[in-house]
Protein backbone atom coordinates (compact mmCIF):
# COMPACT_ATOMS: atom_id res chain seq x y z
CA MET A 1 77.41 118.19 116.50
CA LEU A 2 77.26 116.08 119.65
CA LYS A 3 80.36 116.05 121.82
CA SER A 4 81.40 113.08 123.91
CA SER A 5 80.55 113.60 127.57
CA THR A 6 83.44 115.18 129.43
CA SER A 7 82.11 114.61 132.93
CA LEU A 8 83.01 111.32 134.54
CA LEU A 9 81.65 109.90 137.74
CA LEU A 10 83.84 109.40 140.75
CA PHE A 11 81.47 106.63 141.55
CA THR A 12 82.64 105.84 145.03
CA VAL A 13 81.53 109.24 146.28
CA GLY A 14 78.96 110.08 143.62
CA ILE A 15 80.56 113.14 142.00
CA PHE A 16 82.03 113.90 138.56
CA SER A 17 85.56 114.69 137.44
CA PHE A 18 86.68 116.12 134.08
CA ASP A 19 88.60 114.51 131.23
CA ALA A 20 92.19 115.35 130.41
CA PRO A 21 92.88 116.97 127.03
CA ALA A 22 91.95 114.66 124.15
CA GLN A 23 95.29 115.02 122.40
CA ASN A 24 96.79 112.97 125.22
CA PHE A 25 94.84 109.96 123.92
CA ASP A 26 95.82 110.65 120.30
CA THR A 27 99.48 111.15 121.26
CA LEU A 28 99.56 107.78 122.99
CA LEU A 29 97.68 106.17 120.11
CA ASN A 30 100.12 107.53 117.53
CA LYS A 31 103.03 106.28 119.61
CA VAL A 32 101.73 102.71 119.49
CA VAL A 33 100.86 102.94 115.79
CA SER A 34 104.41 104.08 114.96
CA ASN A 35 105.81 101.00 116.73
CA ASN A 36 103.44 98.49 115.12
CA THR A 37 105.33 95.85 113.14
CA GLU A 38 102.24 94.46 111.38
CA LEU A 39 101.88 97.74 109.51
CA MET A 40 105.50 97.54 108.38
CA SER A 41 104.88 93.97 107.22
CA SER A 42 101.75 94.90 105.25
CA VAL A 43 103.61 97.71 103.45
CA ALA A 44 106.38 95.29 102.48
CA ALA A 45 103.79 92.74 101.31
CA THR A 46 101.99 95.22 99.04
CA HIS A 47 105.34 96.37 97.64
CA SER A 48 106.22 92.75 96.90
CA GLU A 49 102.88 92.23 95.16
CA LEU A 50 103.45 95.31 93.02
CA LEU A 51 106.93 94.14 92.02
CA SER A 52 105.45 90.78 91.03
CA LEU A 53 102.96 92.53 88.77
CA LYS A 54 105.73 94.59 87.18
CA SER A 55 107.86 91.50 86.61
CA GLU A 56 105.11 90.08 84.39
CA ASN A 57 105.81 92.89 81.93
CA ASN A 58 109.48 92.03 81.50
CA LEU A 59 110.83 90.71 78.22
CA PRO A 60 111.65 87.01 78.23
CA ASP A 61 115.33 86.22 78.73
CA PRO A 62 117.49 86.07 75.59
CA GLU A 63 118.55 82.62 74.46
CA VAL A 64 122.06 81.60 73.43
CA GLU A 65 122.54 78.31 71.57
CA LEU A 66 125.87 76.67 70.79
CA GLU A 67 126.03 73.83 68.31
CA TYR A 68 129.09 71.77 67.37
CA GLN A 69 128.92 68.91 64.89
CA TRP A 70 131.65 66.45 63.98
CA GLY A 71 131.97 65.44 60.35
CA ARG A 72 134.14 63.03 58.41
CA HIS A 73 137.76 63.99 58.09
CA GLU A 74 137.40 65.05 54.49
CA VAL A 75 134.31 67.16 55.32
CA GLY A 76 135.39 68.78 58.59
CA ASP A 77 133.48 69.99 61.65
CA LYS A 78 130.68 72.53 61.90
CA PHE A 79 130.16 75.17 64.60
CA ASP A 80 127.05 77.39 65.08
CA VAL A 81 126.08 80.15 67.55
CA ASN A 82 122.53 81.54 67.83
CA VAL A 83 121.53 84.52 70.01
CA THR A 84 117.78 85.22 69.98
CA GLN A 85 115.29 87.45 71.77
CA GLY A 86 111.55 86.82 71.77
CA PHE A 87 108.83 89.37 72.55
CA ASP A 88 105.07 89.75 72.37
CA TRP A 89 103.17 92.16 70.18
CA PRO A 90 104.50 95.62 71.18
CA GLY A 91 101.11 96.92 72.36
CA VAL A 92 100.99 94.24 75.05
CA TYR A 93 103.80 95.88 77.02
CA ALA A 94 102.21 99.32 76.80
CA ALA A 95 98.88 98.00 78.12
CA ARG A 96 100.55 96.10 80.95
CA GLY A 97 102.61 99.19 81.77
CA LYS A 98 99.44 101.28 82.14
CA ALA A 99 97.86 98.54 84.25
CA ASN A 100 100.89 98.47 86.55
CA LYS A 101 100.96 102.25 86.88
CA ILE A 102 97.32 102.27 87.99
CA ALA A 103 97.95 99.27 90.27
CA SER A 104 100.85 101.15 91.87
CA GLU A 105 98.51 103.99 92.79
CA ALA A 106 95.96 101.45 94.03
CA MET A 107 98.56 99.85 96.30
CA SER A 108 99.24 103.20 97.96
CA TYR A 109 95.55 103.37 98.86
CA LEU A 110 95.68 99.78 100.10
CA ASN A 111 98.52 100.78 102.43
CA ARG A 112 96.41 103.68 103.69
CA SER A 113 93.46 101.35 104.22
CA ASN A 114 95.62 98.90 106.18
CA TYR A 115 96.97 101.81 108.24
CA ILE A 116 93.46 103.00 109.11
CA ASP A 117 92.28 99.50 110.04
CA LYS A 118 95.29 98.86 112.26
CA ARG A 119 95.02 102.30 113.87
CA LEU A 120 91.36 101.60 114.65
CA GLU A 121 92.26 98.21 116.13
CA ILE A 122 94.84 99.82 118.43
CA LYS A 123 92.46 102.65 119.32
CA GLN A 124 89.80 100.14 120.33
CA THR A 125 92.33 98.33 122.52
CA LEU A 126 93.12 101.61 124.30
CA ILE A 127 89.38 102.26 124.72
CA ASP A 128 89.05 98.75 126.20
CA ILE A 129 91.81 99.61 128.67
CA VAL A 130 90.14 102.87 129.69
CA ASN A 131 86.87 101.00 130.24
CA VAL A 132 88.47 98.34 132.44
CA LYS A 133 90.35 100.96 134.48
CA LYS A 134 87.12 102.86 135.11
CA ASN A 135 85.32 99.68 136.22
CA MET A 136 88.24 98.79 138.46
CA ALA A 137 87.98 102.23 140.07
CA VAL A 138 84.30 101.56 140.89
CA VAL A 139 85.05 98.20 142.50
CA LYS A 140 88.08 99.59 144.35
CA GLY A 141 85.87 102.29 145.81
CA ARG A 142 83.40 99.69 147.02
CA LEU A 143 86.21 97.58 148.48
CA ALA A 144 87.56 100.59 150.37
CA LEU A 145 84.09 101.21 151.76
CA MET A 146 83.78 97.53 152.78
CA ASP A 147 87.16 97.69 154.56
CA THR A 148 86.01 100.74 156.52
CA MET A 149 82.72 99.09 157.46
CA ILE A 150 84.37 95.77 158.40
CA GLU A 151 86.75 97.65 160.69
CA LYS A 152 83.82 99.53 162.24
CA TYR A 153 81.70 96.38 162.67
CA THR A 154 84.63 94.41 164.08
CA THR A 155 84.98 97.05 166.81
CA GLY A 156 81.21 96.95 167.37
CA VAL A 157 81.21 93.14 167.71
CA ASN A 158 84.12 93.27 170.16
CA ASN A 159 82.23 95.86 172.23
CA GLY A 160 79.05 93.80 172.13
CA GLU A 161 77.20 96.51 170.21
CA LEU A 162 76.80 94.65 166.87
CA THR A 163 76.19 91.03 165.88
CA ILE A 164 78.71 88.68 164.33
CA LEU A 165 76.13 87.92 161.60
CA ASP A 166 76.31 91.46 160.25
CA LEU A 167 80.10 91.30 160.21
CA ARG A 168 79.92 88.05 158.23
CA LYS A 169 77.59 89.67 155.70
CA LEU A 170 80.15 92.41 155.14
CA LYS A 171 82.96 89.88 154.70
CA ILE A 172 80.87 87.88 152.21
CA GLU A 173 80.17 91.07 150.27
CA LYS A 174 83.90 91.80 150.20
CA ILE A 175 84.57 88.31 148.79
CA ARG A 176 82.11 89.02 145.98
CA LEU A 177 83.75 92.35 145.26
CA ASN A 178 87.19 90.69 145.22
CA GLU A 179 85.85 88.20 142.66
CA SER A 180 84.71 91.09 140.47
CA MET A 181 88.10 92.76 140.85
CA ALA A 182 89.93 89.52 139.97
CA ALA A 183 87.90 89.20 136.76
CA LEU A 184 88.69 92.81 135.85
CA GLU A 185 92.39 92.33 136.62
CA SER A 186 92.46 89.24 134.39
CA GLU A 187 90.86 91.20 131.55
CA PHE A 188 93.31 94.06 132.17
CA ALA A 189 96.31 91.68 131.94
CA LEU A 190 95.02 90.30 128.63
CA LEU A 191 94.56 93.80 127.22
CA LYS A 192 98.05 94.75 128.36
CA SER A 193 99.58 91.79 126.49
CA THR A 194 97.51 92.68 123.41
CA LEU A 195 98.76 96.27 123.52
CA GLU A 196 102.37 95.13 123.89
CA VAL A 197 102.03 93.09 120.70
CA GLN A 198 100.51 96.10 118.93
CA ASN A 199 103.35 98.23 120.32
CA GLY A 200 105.94 96.12 118.51
CA GLY A 201 106.76 94.05 121.60
CA LYS A 202 107.87 97.12 123.55
CA ASN A 203 106.91 97.74 127.16
CA CYS A 204 103.74 99.81 127.38
CA ASP A 205 103.38 100.37 131.14
CA ASP A 206 103.88 104.13 130.72
CA ILE A 207 101.17 104.26 128.04
CA ILE A 208 98.69 102.33 130.18
CA ALA A 209 99.46 104.48 133.21
CA SER A 210 98.90 107.68 131.21
CA ILE A 211 95.63 106.78 129.52
CA ASP A 212 92.62 107.33 131.77
CA ASN A 213 90.01 108.95 129.54
CA TYR A 214 88.37 108.42 126.18
CA PRO A 215 89.17 110.40 123.00
CA ASP A 216 87.20 113.58 122.41
CA ASP A 217 85.39 112.36 119.28
CA VAL A 218 82.18 113.88 117.90
CA ILE A 219 79.18 112.65 115.93
CA LEU A 220 79.07 114.39 112.56
CA PRO A 221 76.01 115.10 110.38
CA ALA A 222 74.90 112.13 108.24
CA GLU A 223 75.83 113.84 104.96
CA GLU A 224 79.36 114.41 106.28
CA TYR A 225 79.91 110.66 106.52
CA GLU A 226 78.71 110.22 102.94
CA LYS A 227 81.33 112.76 101.88
CA ILE A 228 84.06 111.14 103.99
CA ILE A 229 83.41 107.71 102.46
CA GLU A 230 83.41 109.14 98.95
CA GLU A 231 86.52 111.29 99.39
CA ASN A 232 88.55 109.76 102.23
CA ASP A 233 87.88 106.02 102.24
CA PRO A 234 91.02 104.47 100.69
CA SER A 235 89.44 101.02 100.37
CA VAL A 236 86.82 102.43 97.99
CA LYS A 237 89.52 104.16 95.93
CA TYR A 238 91.61 100.99 95.96
CA SER A 239 88.71 98.96 94.53
CA SER A 240 88.05 101.59 91.86
CA LEU A 241 91.69 101.75 90.74
CA MET A 242 92.12 97.98 90.70
CA MET A 243 89.09 97.77 88.41
CA GLN A 244 90.72 100.30 86.06
CA SER A 245 93.99 98.37 86.20
CA GLN A 246 92.23 95.15 85.32
CA ALA A 247 90.57 96.84 82.33
CA GLN A 248 94.07 97.51 80.98
CA ARG A 249 95.02 93.89 81.61
CA VAL A 250 92.00 92.75 79.60
CA LYS A 251 93.32 94.92 76.76
CA ALA A 252 96.77 93.37 77.15
CA GLU A 253 95.35 89.84 77.02
CA ARG A 254 93.49 90.68 73.82
CA LEU A 255 96.74 91.89 72.27
CA THR A 256 98.55 88.67 73.22
CA ARG A 257 96.41 86.92 70.60
CA LEU A 258 98.40 88.81 67.97
CA PRO A 259 101.66 87.26 66.76
CA GLY A 260 104.84 87.42 68.81
CA PHE A 261 108.28 87.74 67.31
CA THR A 262 111.76 86.36 67.70
CA LEU A 263 114.81 88.22 66.41
CA GLY A 264 118.36 87.02 66.58
CA TYR A 265 121.86 86.69 65.25
CA HIS A 266 123.30 83.53 63.70
CA HIS A 267 127.01 82.76 63.31
CA SER A 268 128.17 79.61 61.54
CA TRP A 269 131.65 78.17 60.88
CA GLU A 270 131.95 75.28 58.46
CA ASP A 271 135.04 73.85 56.82
CA GLY A 272 136.91 77.12 57.18
CA ASP A 273 134.07 79.24 55.90
CA VAL A 274 132.29 81.74 58.18
CA PHE A 275 128.63 82.69 57.81
CA ASN A 276 126.78 85.49 59.64
CA GLY A 277 123.07 86.17 59.43
CA MET A 278 119.80 87.07 61.11
CA ILE A 279 117.04 84.96 62.62
CA VAL A 280 113.43 86.11 62.36
CA GLY A 281 110.60 84.06 63.84
CA VAL A 282 106.88 84.52 64.35
CA THR A 283 104.91 82.97 67.23
CA LEU A 284 101.29 82.19 66.39
CA PRO A 285 99.43 82.07 69.74
CA PHE A 286 96.74 79.58 68.78
CA PHE A 287 96.84 77.62 72.05
CA SER A 288 98.67 79.55 74.78
CA THR A 289 96.11 82.40 74.97
CA HIS A 290 93.06 80.14 75.06
CA ASN A 291 90.52 81.46 77.66
CA LYS A 292 92.95 84.13 78.96
CA VAL A 293 90.81 87.02 77.69
CA ARG A 294 87.65 85.54 79.15
CA ALA A 295 89.40 84.97 82.48
CA ALA A 296 90.62 88.58 82.53
CA LYS A 297 87.13 89.84 81.70
CA ALA A 298 85.60 87.72 84.47
CA LEU A 299 88.08 89.13 86.99
CA SER A 300 87.28 92.64 85.75
CA ARG A 301 83.55 92.07 86.34
CA SER A 302 84.32 90.68 89.79
CA LEU A 303 86.32 93.79 90.70
CA GLU A 304 83.52 96.01 89.38
CA TYR A 305 81.01 94.27 91.64
CA ASP A 306 83.48 94.49 94.52
CA GLU A 307 83.76 98.25 94.03
CA MET A 308 79.99 98.68 94.18
CA THR A 309 79.65 96.29 97.13
CA VAL A 310 82.38 97.99 99.17
CA ALA A 311 80.83 101.44 98.73
CA ILE A 312 77.33 100.18 99.58
CA LYS A 313 78.54 98.35 102.69
CA LYS A 314 80.54 101.35 103.90
CA ARG A 315 77.55 103.67 103.63
CA ALA A 316 75.21 101.19 105.32
CA THR A 317 77.69 100.57 108.15
CA ALA A 318 78.25 104.30 108.68
CA LYS A 319 74.50 104.92 108.83
CA ALA A 320 73.96 102.09 111.33
CA ASP A 321 76.93 103.15 113.49
CA ARG A 322 75.74 106.76 113.56
CA GLU A 323 72.25 105.73 114.69
CA LYS A 324 73.76 103.43 117.31
CA ALA A 325 76.07 106.20 118.57
CA LEU A 326 73.14 108.63 118.87
CA ALA A 327 71.14 106.08 120.87
CA LEU A 328 74.10 105.38 123.17
CA TYR A 329 74.68 109.11 123.63
CA LYS A 330 71.09 109.55 124.80
CA GLN A 331 71.40 106.56 127.13
CA MET A 332 74.69 107.85 128.52
CA SER A 333 73.26 111.34 129.03
CA ALA A 334 70.24 109.91 130.86
CA TYR A 335 72.52 108.07 133.29
CA GLU A 336 74.61 111.20 133.82
CA ALA A 337 71.56 113.30 134.62
CA VAL A 338 70.67 110.89 137.42
CA LEU A 339 74.12 109.99 138.72
CA LYS A 340 75.78 113.40 138.58
CA ASN A 341 76.06 114.88 142.08
CA ASP A 342 74.38 111.72 143.39
CA ASN A 343 74.54 111.37 147.18
CA SER A 344 72.90 107.96 147.43
CA VAL A 345 75.91 106.44 149.20
CA ASP A 346 75.80 109.09 151.93
CA LEU A 347 72.03 108.76 152.33
CA LEU A 348 72.23 104.99 152.59
CA GLY A 349 74.99 105.29 155.19
CA LYS A 350 72.88 107.67 157.27
CA SER A 351 69.85 105.39 156.97
CA LEU A 352 71.93 102.43 158.14
CA ASP A 353 73.43 104.35 161.05
CA GLY A 354 69.97 105.63 162.03
CA GLY A 355 68.50 102.14 162.03
CA GLN A 356 66.03 102.91 159.24
CA ILE A 357 67.34 100.02 157.10
CA SER A 358 69.06 96.75 157.89
CA LEU A 359 72.60 95.94 156.83
CA LEU A 360 71.24 93.44 154.30
CA ASP A 361 69.03 96.15 152.79
CA TYR A 362 72.00 98.49 152.75
CA LEU A 363 74.19 96.00 150.89
CA GLY A 364 71.41 95.29 148.40
CA GLU A 365 70.92 98.99 147.73
CA MET A 366 74.65 99.56 147.38
CA ASP A 367 74.86 96.71 144.89
CA TYR A 368 71.96 98.25 142.95
CA TYR A 369 73.70 101.63 142.68
CA MET A 370 77.04 100.06 141.78
CA GLN A 371 75.34 98.16 138.97
CA ALA A 372 73.81 101.43 137.77
CA GLU A 373 77.27 102.98 137.76
CA ARG A 374 78.68 100.07 135.75
CA ASP A 375 75.72 100.20 133.35
CA TYR A 376 76.61 103.83 132.75
CA LEU A 377 80.22 102.85 132.11
CA ALA A 378 79.05 100.14 129.68
CA ALA A 379 77.02 102.69 127.71
CA GLN A 380 79.96 105.11 127.71
CA TYR A 381 82.32 102.37 126.53
CA GLN A 382 80.02 101.19 123.72
CA TYR A 383 79.51 104.80 122.63
CA HIS A 384 83.23 105.43 122.25
CA GLN A 385 83.86 102.10 120.52
CA THR A 386 81.09 102.86 118.01
CA LEU A 387 82.33 106.42 117.53
CA ALA A 388 85.89 105.21 116.94
CA ASN A 389 84.69 102.97 114.12
CA LEU A 390 82.43 105.69 112.73
CA ASN A 391 85.18 108.32 112.60
CA LYS A 392 88.11 106.13 111.59
CA TYR A 393 88.58 107.88 108.22
CA LYS A 394 88.91 111.32 109.81
CA VAL A 395 92.57 110.52 110.44
CA LEU A 396 93.13 111.34 106.75
CA ASP A 397 91.54 114.80 106.97
C-alpha cells in the first residue's frame, strides 16, 4: 500500500516539516458532518417518502350514508343508514406490504449513501482549505523575503551603493506577490463561507485554524476496491433493493385486476318498521387497472438497468481514480525528491550578493522555484482530492 507523503516543504527556506496525526483531520471532519443540516433534511425526506409508500397500502376510508325520504301522510317517512367498507383483493395488501418492507430497508441504504456523499463533499472542502493555506504560506514566505530585501536595498540606495532601479524591481515584484496573496485570500474567504454552511451555519474559525495537513489516506490494491463497492457501497444496495421492491409492486398490480369487495351494514326505518341487513358488493376492475401492470413492469426494468449501470459506473470510476492517484503519487514523490532539503534560495542569495547574477536574474530564478513549489502543492492537492473520492466508502468499514 502507498501512504500519503508525510513530509511537507517549508518552502520559504527549502526544508520539510511533518504532518500532525491524521485523526486530527478526521475529528474535525466528523464535527462538521454532525452539524450538517442538509443531512438531517435528507433523512427526513426519505422518511417522508417511505411513509407515502406505506400510505398507499391503507384501506380506503369507510363510507357512511344517511337517507331520509318524505312520503304522503298516509304512507309516512323513510329513513336509511348505510355503513360500508371497500377493499381490494386480499393478496394486494400482502404484496404491497412486502414491497414496503423491502423499500424501508432500501431507504436506510439511501440515507447511508447520502451521508457518504455529504461527508465526501465536506472532506473535499477541508482539503481545499488545507491547499489554500499551504499556498498562502509559500507566498507569505516570498513576501517576507521581499520586505527584507527592500529594506536592505533602500539602505543601499540611501548610501549610494545600489541603484533606484533595482529597488523599483523589488517593489514591483512585491506588488505581484500581493496580487497572488489577494487571490488566495479571496478563495480562502469563499471556502470559509462554504464550510460555515456545511457546519450548519455555526462559526468554524477554530476548525480552520486547527486544520493544516491532509488526511492520512492510503491507496489500496485494485481488488480491494472491487470488494468495497460490492460490500460497502450503499447506493448499489439501494438500487438492488428498490428493484426487488418494485417486483413486489408488479405482483400487487397484477392482483388488483382481481375483483374488489364492499361489505357493509344497512339499517332502514319505514312506517314504524325497522329493517337491518348486510351489503355485499363486488368491484370489477375493467377500466381502473388499465396499463398499470405494464407501467409497473416498465419501472421494474428501468430499476434493473439502473442497478447494473450504477455498479458498472462505480467500478469504472474507482479504477480510473486509482490510476490517477498512482500517477499523482509518482509526480508528488518526484517533486519531493528534488525539493526536499533544497537550498536554492540560499544559493541564489549568495550569487546575488557575490555579483554573479543580476537582481533581475535573481527575481526570475526565485519565481521559477516558487512556481515549482506551487506545482508540487497542486500535485499534492489533486492526489488527496482523488484519494478522498476513491476511499469514500471506507467510512463504513
